[in-house]
Amino acid sequence: MSIHQPTRRALLATGLATLGAPALAQPSWPAGRSIEVIVGFAPGGGTDVMMRALAQFLPAELPGANFVVVNRPGAGGETAYVALQAARPDGYTLGTLNTPGYISVPIERRVRYDRTRIRPIVRLVDDPTAFVVHRDAPYRSLRDLVEAAKRAPGSISVGSSGVGTDDHLGLTLFQAASGTEFIHAPFAGAGLVKNAVLARHIDVAGLNLGEIGTLGQESPLLRPLAAMGETRWEQMPNVPTFREEGFDVTMTSERGIGAPRAIPDDIATRLEEAIARVVAKPEWAEKARQLELPMAYLPGATWEAQMPAQEARYRRIWETTPWH
């Protein structure tokens, strides 16, 4: 049976409309859906606290978005990075990125994630690594700690957030610079390290300054001996740097957000711009101050461009003072 020309045109128009319908009907991101953010460390650490705070601010900049923080600790962040790179690149799965571990762990051993499959979106924090003790500890300064370690090598324990993290690398550098030997006690996150030193299960905690939680307290239970920043942190001006104490050791923890590499550019841009607007708000500045977050915002592309130089530095550390 033949089809008249008008009918053929009508069928063709209907077919084209049908083909175009799914694209036209697809809601725009975030479309009221939950966005999962994977944190590679246990609850209570600096990364977890940062992300949960940001998740409260972002919906105002991305209407319809609901950010859900999911903790997947393990292997110095590797567990979370593997999950992030395997997620659908649709903007509904993000993850926190932490250096040096994100960059340094693959130097030490074979890992199951590939940085070429992960796209940094923003850097938020650059937090100096510090050695922290219980307020009743006998060490009043970094030099006190060194003297005690030299009297009894391998008897003083230092906790970290895991092998290859900033705390661990800082400890490795410090041992080389001071000629000391400590017991390394790795944990699954800074919150657990903090609890361990509070309970006196370890002698020293490798924590970032923003993770100690002592600002504004009249008699804090924890006491930072020194920090590994290039300069003193303005919120803790009484905490000296390791260099000031005579040990040329610098180390910080960068914390930011990444996504699967194939995330659409427009979604990545919207995320980056939304976060930039949040961190520019006075309300966020106050929240960051309360949470003791050393803010250091960078766009994702700028942050990623710095990573090869960091990797080269960590490789030099591995070659001269390998960490385990």
Protein backbone atom coordinates (compact mmCIF):
# COMPACT_ATOMS: atom_id res chain seq x y z
CA MET A 1 0.00 0.00 0.00
CA SER A 2 1.41 3.37 -0.97
CA ILE A 3 1.62 6.26 1.49
CA HIS A 4 0.52 9.66 0.31
CA GLN A 5 3.16 12.42 0.44
CA PRO A 6 1.45 14.45 3.23
CA THR A 7 1.13 11.31 5.36
CA ARG A 8 4.80 10.46 4.77
CA ARG A 9 5.79 13.95 5.90
CA ALA A 10 3.63 13.63 8.99
CA LEU A 11 5.17 10.28 9.91
CA LEU A 12 8.66 11.67 9.37
CA ALA A 13 7.91 14.63 11.62
CA THR A 14 6.51 12.34 14.30
CA GLY A 15 9.59 10.12 14.14
CA LEU A 16 11.95 13.05 14.46
CA ALA A 17 9.99 14.38 17.39
CA THR A 18 10.14 10.99 19.07
CA LEU A 19 13.89 10.75 18.54
CA GLY A 20 14.35 14.16 20.05
CA ALA A 21 12.02 13.59 22.98
CA PRO A 22 14.44 11.90 25.40
CA ALA A 23 16.99 14.71 25.07
CA LEU A 24 14.34 17.39 25.44
CA ALA A 25 12.70 15.68 28.38
CA GLN A 26 15.92 15.05 30.30
CA PRO A 27 16.02 17.39 33.31
CA SER A 28 19.07 19.58 33.72
CA TRP A 29 21.65 18.81 36.42
CA PRO A 30 21.23 18.62 39.39
CA ALA A 31 17.49 18.09 38.86
CA GLY A 32 16.68 17.61 42.54
CA ARG A 33 18.77 14.47 42.84
CA SER A 34 21.19 13.63 45.61
CA ILE A 35 24.87 14.15 44.84
CA GLU A 36 27.12 11.69 46.66
CA VAL A 37 30.48 12.94 47.90
CA ILE A 38 32.93 10.18 48.82
CA VAL A 39 35.34 10.98 51.67
CA GLY A 40 38.31 8.63 51.90
CA PHE A 41 38.77 8.90 55.65
CA ALA A 42 36.79 8.16 58.79
CA PRO A 43 34.32 10.73 60.17
CA GLY A 44 35.66 13.51 62.36
CA GLY A 45 38.84 14.39 60.45
CA GLY A 46 39.57 17.64 58.65
CA THR A 47 38.40 16.39 55.25
CA ASP A 48 35.13 15.06 56.62
CA VAL A 49 34.42 18.25 58.59
CA MET A 50 35.24 20.45 55.60
CA MET A 51 32.97 18.54 53.22
CA ARG A 52 30.02 18.34 55.59
CA ALA A 53 30.19 22.09 56.14
CA LEU A 54 30.41 22.81 52.42
CA ALA A 55 27.46 20.49 51.77
CA GLN A 56 25.28 22.80 53.87
CA PHE A 57 26.19 25.88 51.83
CA LEU A 58 26.13 24.52 48.28
CA PRO A 59 22.37 23.95 47.80
CA ALA A 60 21.82 27.73 47.89
CA GLU A 61 24.14 28.03 44.87
CA LEU A 62 22.86 24.91 43.11
CA PRO A 63 19.08 24.84 43.61
CA GLY A 64 17.72 21.33 43.76
CA ALA A 65 21.02 19.78 44.80
CA ASN A 66 21.28 17.66 47.93
CA PHE A 67 24.83 16.67 48.90
CA VAL A 68 25.27 13.41 50.80
CA VAL A 69 28.68 12.70 52.37
CA VAL A 70 29.71 9.04 52.38
CA ASN A 71 32.83 7.90 54.27
CA ARG A 72 34.85 5.14 52.62
CA PRO A 73 38.11 5.00 54.59
CA GLY A 74 40.95 2.69 53.75
CA ALA A 75 44.42 2.42 52.19
CA GLY A 76 45.31 6.10 52.62
CA GLY A 77 42.36 7.24 50.50
CA GLU A 78 42.78 4.62 47.76
CA THR A 79 39.43 2.96 48.49
CA ALA A 80 37.61 6.22 47.85
CA TYR A 81 39.61 7.11 44.73
CA VAL A 82 38.85 3.72 43.18
CA ALA A 83 35.14 4.27 43.81
CA LEU A 84 35.31 7.80 42.39
CA GLN A 85 37.01 6.87 39.11
CA ALA A 86 34.53 4.02 38.58
CA ALA A 87 31.44 6.17 39.13
CA ARG A 88 29.25 7.37 36.28
CA PRO A 89 30.55 10.75 35.06
CA ASP A 90 27.17 12.44 35.34
CA GLY A 91 27.85 14.89 38.15
CA TYR A 92 26.06 12.83 40.78
CA THR A 93 29.21 11.33 42.31
CA LEU A 94 32.05 13.48 43.57
CA GLY A 95 34.92 12.74 45.92
CA THR A 96 37.42 14.52 48.11
CA LEU A 97 41.07 14.56 47.06
CA ASN A 98 43.88 14.76 49.61
CA THR A 99 47.50 15.43 48.88
CA PRO A 100 50.11 14.20 49.38
CA GLY A 101 48.44 10.77 49.59
CA TYR A 102 46.57 11.14 46.29
CA ILE A 103 49.94 11.69 44.59
CA SER A 104 52.41 9.93 46.91
CA VAL A 105 50.80 6.53 47.48
CA PRO A 106 51.29 5.43 43.81
CA ILE A 107 55.00 6.18 44.23
CA GLU A 108 55.27 3.73 47.11
CA ARG A 109 53.18 0.89 45.71
CA ARG A 110 50.89 -0.19 42.92
CA VAL A 111 47.41 1.27 43.35
CA ARG A 112 44.04 0.57 41.78
CA TYR A 113 43.29 4.14 40.76
CA ASP A 114 44.64 6.26 37.95
CA ARG A 115 44.84 10.04 38.29
CA THR A 116 44.14 10.43 34.56
CA ARG A 117 40.64 9.10 35.29
CA ILE A 118 39.93 11.71 37.98
CA ARG A 119 39.38 15.43 37.39
CA PRO A 120 40.15 17.92 40.19
CA ILE A 121 37.31 20.44 40.52
CA VAL A 122 38.65 22.76 43.25
CA ARG A 123 41.21 22.93 46.03
CA LEU A 124 39.77 24.34 49.25
CA VAL A 125 42.31 23.95 52.03
CA ASP A 126 46.09 23.87 52.48
CA ASP A 127 46.59 22.78 56.09
CA PRO A 128 50.06 22.59 57.73
CA THR A 129 51.01 19.26 59.27
CA ALA A 130 51.82 19.41 62.98
CA PHE A 131 53.05 17.27 65.86
CA VAL A 132 50.50 17.39 68.66
CA VAL A 133 50.68 15.97 72.19
CA HIS A 134 48.40 15.61 75.18
CA ARG A 135 48.64 18.65 77.43
CA ASP A 136 50.14 16.46 80.18
CA ALA A 137 52.88 15.06 77.92
CA PRO A 138 56.45 15.68 79.12
CA TYR A 139 57.48 17.30 75.83
CA ARG A 140 57.18 21.08 75.92
CA SER A 141 58.88 21.66 72.59
CA LEU A 142 60.02 19.86 69.48
CA ARG A 143 63.56 19.80 70.88
CA ASP A 144 62.29 18.06 74.01
CA LEU A 145 60.76 15.40 71.78
CA VAL A 146 64.01 14.96 69.84
CA GLU A 147 66.06 14.60 73.00
CA ALA A 148 63.65 11.99 74.38
CA ALA A 149 63.70 10.08 71.08
CA LYS A 150 67.50 10.01 71.04
CA ARG A 151 67.64 8.72 74.61
CA ALA A 152 65.31 5.84 73.72
CA PRO A 153 65.21 5.23 69.94
CA GLY A 154 62.07 3.52 68.64
CA SER A 155 60.11 3.95 71.86
CA ILE A 156 57.91 6.99 71.11
CA SER A 157 54.84 6.47 68.94
CA VAL A 158 53.56 8.94 66.34
CA GLY A 159 50.11 8.46 64.84
CA SER A 160 49.17 9.35 61.27
CA SER A 161 46.15 9.16 58.97
CA GLY A 162 47.79 6.33 57.03
CA VAL A 163 50.85 5.29 55.06
CA GLY A 164 51.86 7.94 52.52
CA THR A 165 49.72 10.72 53.99
CA ASP A 166 51.16 14.13 54.87
CA ASP A 167 51.54 13.17 58.54
CA HIS A 168 53.52 10.08 57.59
CA LEU A 169 55.71 11.86 55.05
CA GLY A 170 56.31 14.65 57.55
CA LEU A 171 57.40 12.09 60.14
CA THR A 172 59.73 10.45 57.60
CA LEU A 173 61.36 13.80 56.79
CA PHE A 174 61.61 14.72 60.46
CA GLN A 175 63.35 11.47 61.38
CA ALA A 176 65.91 12.10 58.64
CA ALA A 177 66.42 15.75 59.63
CA SER A 178 66.73 15.05 63.37
CA GLY A 179 68.46 11.67 63.37
CA THR A 180 65.66 10.08 65.37
CA GLU A 181 63.57 6.93 65.15
CA PHE A 182 59.90 6.77 66.11
CA ILE A 183 57.18 4.10 66.04
CA HIS A 184 54.75 4.90 63.22
CA ALA A 185 51.12 4.15 64.12
CA PRO A 186 48.84 4.51 61.05
CA PHE A 187 45.09 5.04 61.50
CA ALA A 188 42.17 5.33 59.06
CA GLY A 189 41.67 9.04 59.59
CA ALA A 190 42.62 12.10 61.61
CA GLY A 191 39.62 11.74 63.93
CA LEU A 192 40.95 8.38 65.09
CA VAL A 193 44.47 9.80 65.52
CA LYS A 194 43.09 12.61 67.65
CA ASN A 195 41.12 10.19 69.82
CA ALA A 196 44.21 8.02 70.27
CA VAL A 197 46.39 10.84 71.57
CA LEU A 198 43.58 12.10 73.81
CA ALA A 199 43.32 8.61 75.30
CA ARG A 200 47.14 8.46 75.65
CA HIS A 201 47.29 5.40 73.38
CA ILE A 202 49.97 7.15 71.31
CA ASP A 203 52.58 9.69 72.40
CA VAL A 204 52.36 12.11 69.49
CA ALA A 205 49.63 12.79 66.93
CA GLY A 206 50.42 13.79 63.38
CA LEU A 207 47.53 16.16 62.78
CA ASN A 208 46.95 19.22 60.67
CA LEU A 209 46.60 22.49 62.52
CA GLY A 210 43.00 22.76 61.36
CA GLU A 211 42.19 19.35 62.87
CA ILE A 212 43.30 19.98 66.45
CA GLY A 213 40.19 21.88 67.56
CA THR A 214 41.78 23.91 70.36
CA LEU A 215 41.04 27.50 69.31
CA GLY A 216 38.99 29.44 71.83
CA GLN A 217 39.47 26.85 74.60
CA GLU A 218 40.79 28.07 77.94
CA SER A 219 42.50 24.81 78.82
CA PRO A 220 42.69 22.58 75.72
CA LEU A 221 43.57 18.92 76.15
CA LEU A 222 45.90 18.97 73.15
CA ARG A 223 49.03 21.01 72.60
CA PRO A 224 50.77 21.49 69.21
CA LEU A 225 54.56 21.41 69.49
CA ALA A 226 55.29 22.78 66.01
CA ALA A 227 53.88 22.87 62.49
CA MET A 228 55.41 22.12 59.09
CA GLY A 229 54.15 25.15 57.22
CA GLU A 230 56.44 27.62 55.48
CA THR A 231 55.27 30.26 57.96
CA ARG A 232 53.17 30.32 61.13
CA TRP A 233 49.42 30.06 60.66
CA GLU A 234 47.70 33.34 61.47
CA GLN A 235 45.05 31.61 63.61
CA MET A 236 47.74 29.90 65.72
CA PRO A 237 50.54 32.47 65.85
CA ASN A 238 52.09 30.91 68.96
CA VAL A 239 52.83 27.60 67.20
CA PRO A 240 56.36 27.72 65.75
CA THR A 241 57.34 26.09 62.49
CA PHE A 242 59.70 23.12 62.34
CA ARG A 243 62.20 25.38 60.59
CA GLU A 244 62.10 27.82 63.47
CA GLU A 245 62.88 24.92 65.77
CA GLY A 246 65.91 24.02 63.69
CA PHE A 247 64.54 21.26 61.44
CA ASP A 248 64.10 21.94 57.72
CA VAL A 249 60.81 20.07 57.32
CA THR A 250 57.77 21.40 55.43
CA MET A 251 54.58 19.48 54.71
CA THR A 252 50.92 20.36 54.33
CA SER A 253 47.66 18.62 53.49
CA GLU A 254 45.72 19.95 50.53
CA ARG A 255 42.04 19.07 50.48
CA GLY A 256 39.73 19.52 47.58
CA ILE A 257 37.05 17.95 45.43
CA GLY A 258 37.28 15.83 42.29
CA ALA A 259 34.99 13.98 39.88
CA PRO A 260 35.29 11.22 37.29
CA ARG A 261 37.43 12.62 34.44
CA ALA A 262 34.64 12.34 31.85
CA ILE A 263 32.25 14.61 33.76
CA PRO A 264 30.73 17.10 31.27
CA ASP A 265 32.61 20.38 31.17
CA ASP A 266 29.49 22.42 31.82
CA ILE A 267 28.72 20.51 35.03
CA ALA A 268 32.33 20.75 36.22
CA THR A 269 32.27 24.49 35.56
CA ARG A 270 28.98 24.96 37.39
CA LEU A 271 30.38 23.08 40.39
CA GLU A 272 33.59 25.08 40.42
CA GLU A 273 31.76 28.39 40.13
CA ALA A 274 29.23 27.44 42.82
CA ILE A 275 32.00 26.53 45.26
CA ALA A 276 33.88 29.74 44.43
CA ARG A 277 30.75 31.73 45.29
CA VAL A 278 30.42 29.88 48.60
CA VAL A 279 34.00 30.50 49.71
CA ALA A 280 33.64 34.20 48.85
CA LYS A 281 30.74 34.60 51.28
CA PRO A 282 31.37 36.21 54.70
CA GLU A 283 29.21 33.47 56.22
CA TRP A 284 31.58 30.83 54.88
CA ALA A 285 34.62 32.75 56.11
CA GLU A 286 33.13 32.72 59.60
CA LYS A 287 32.28 29.02 59.35
CA ALA A 288 35.79 28.22 58.16
CA ARG A 289 37.20 30.19 61.09
CA GLN A 290 35.02 28.27 63.54
CA LEU A 291 36.07 24.94 62.01
CA GLU A 292 39.73 26.04 61.87
CA LEU A 293 40.01 25.47 58.11
CA PRO A 294 43.08 27.11 56.53
CA MET A 295 41.35 28.15 53.31
CA ALA A 296 43.41 28.21 50.11
CA TYR A 297 40.96 28.09 47.19
CA LEU A 298 42.26 27.16 43.74
CA PRO A 299 40.34 26.24 40.56
CA GLY A 300 40.74 22.60 39.63
CA ALA A 301 42.88 23.17 36.54
CA THR A 302 45.32 25.36 38.47
CA TRP A 303 45.57 22.83 41.26
CA GLU A 304 46.15 19.95 38.85
CA ALA A 305 48.86 21.93 37.05
CA GLN A 306 50.81 22.04 40.32
CA MET A 307 50.67 18.29 40.91
CA PRO A 308 53.61 17.23 38.68
CA ALA A 309 55.96 19.37 40.78
CA GLN A 310 54.54 17.84 43.96
CA GLU A 311 54.97 14.35 42.52
CA ALA A 312 58.61 15.12 41.71
CA ARG A 313 59.16 16.23 45.29
CA TYR A 314 57.59 13.10 46.75
CA ARG A 315 59.68 10.94 44.42
CA ARG A 316 62.83 12.64 45.74
CA ILE A 317 61.68 11.92 49.29
CA TRP A 318 61.03 8.28 48.37
CA GLU A 319 64.47 7.93 46.82
CA THR A 320 66.30 9.36 49.85
CA THR A 321 64.05 8.43 52.78
CA PRO A 322 61.46 5.84 51.66
CA TRP A 323 58.38 5.59 53.84
CA HIS A 324 56.65 2.36 54.82
